[in-house]
Amino acid sequence: MKMAIDPEVIPPSNNKGSRAGRYVPKWAIYTSSGIGVLVLVGLIKTLLPLIGMACLLAFIWSQSTTNRRY
């Protein structure tokens, strides 16, 4: 006489079944983060000179429009 194992009695010990659809390879994460860093550095390199130029122009404009009496 063989004993049949009821599948509901055995608890699921591994979580491979729940992770099956959500697996993302590590190389994809590293590649996307590297591309994100490059895009961020490019944006900073583009925007910093523009912000500096705007501040400089604002300072020059404020100095040129003030009324000075010598």
Protein backbone atom coordinates (compact mmCIF):
# COMPACT_ATOMS: atom_id res chain seq x y z
CA MET A 1 0.00 0.00 0.00
CA LYS A 2 1.42 3.36 -1.10
CA MET A 3 0.70 6.60 0.61
CA ALA A 4 -0.40 9.34 -1.69
CA ILE A 5 1.01 12.78 -0.97
CA ASP A 6 -1.63 15.44 -0.98
CA PRO A 7 -0.23 18.50 -2.80
CA GLU A 8 -2.12 20.92 -0.54
CA VAL A 9 -0.31 19.61 2.53
CA ILE A 10 3.16 20.52 1.26
CA PRO A 11 3.80 24.26 1.69
CA PRO A 12 5.57 26.04 -1.16
CA SER A 13 9.15 26.36 0.05
CA ASN A 14 10.53 28.37 -2.87
CA ASN A 15 9.26 31.56 -4.43
CA LYS A 16 10.37 30.88 -8.00
CA GLY A 17 6.79 30.61 -9.12
CA SER A 18 5.87 34.06 -7.90
CA ARG A 19 9.05 35.64 -9.33
CA ALA A 20 8.73 34.00 -12.74
CA GLY A 21 7.07 36.94 -14.50
CA ARG A 22 9.00 39.75 -12.82
CA TYR A 23 12.60 38.73 -13.46
CA VAL A 24 14.80 41.48 -14.95
CA PRO A 25 18.41 40.61 -15.82
CA LYS A 26 21.14 42.50 -13.98
CA TRP A 27 22.82 43.64 -17.19
CA ALA A 28 19.62 45.45 -18.20
CA ILE A 29 19.50 47.28 -14.87
CA TYR A 30 23.17 48.27 -15.10
CA THR A 31 22.85 49.37 -18.73
CA SER A 32 19.77 51.49 -18.09
CA SER A 33 21.31 53.10 -15.03
CA GLY A 34 24.49 53.89 -16.99
CA ILE A 35 22.52 55.49 -19.80
CA GLY A 36 20.51 57.44 -17.21
CA VAL A 37 23.71 58.78 -15.64
CA LEU A 38 25.03 59.84 -19.06
CA VAL A 39 21.78 61.65 -19.87
CA LEU A 40 21.82 63.38 -16.47
CA VAL A 41 25.43 64.52 -16.92
CA GLY A 42 24.60 65.82 -20.39
CA LEU A 43 21.65 67.80 -19.05
CA ILE A 44 23.75 69.30 -16.26
CA LYS A 45 26.51 70.24 -18.71
CA THR A 46 23.93 71.95 -20.90
CA LEU A 47 21.94 73.73 -18.22
CA LEU A 48 24.70 75.02 -15.91
CA PRO A 49 26.22 77.46 -18.45
CA LEU A 50 22.72 78.70 -19.34
CA ILE A 51 21.87 79.30 -15.67
CA GLY A 52 25.20 81.08 -15.13
CA MET A 53 24.68 83.27 -18.16
CA ALA A 54 21.16 84.17 -17.02
CA CYS A 55 22.44 85.13 -13.56
CA LEU A 56 25.22 87.22 -15.09
CA LEU A 57 22.81 89.01 -17.42
CA ALA A 58 20.41 89.65 -14.53
CA PHE A 59 23.24 91.16 -12.48
CA ILE A 60 24.40 93.36 -15.39
CA TRP A 61 20.81 94.48 -16.03
CA SER A 62 20.25 95.33 -12.38
CA GLN A 63 23.49 97.32 -12.24
CA SER A 64 22.74 99.22 -15.42
CA THR A 65 19.20 100.26 -14.44
CA THR A 66 19.95 101.64 -10.97
CA ASN A 67 20.12 105.41 -10.66
CA ARG A 68 23.45 106.48 -9.23
CA ARG A 69 24.36 109.98 -8.14
CA TYR A 70 28.02 110.78 -7.89
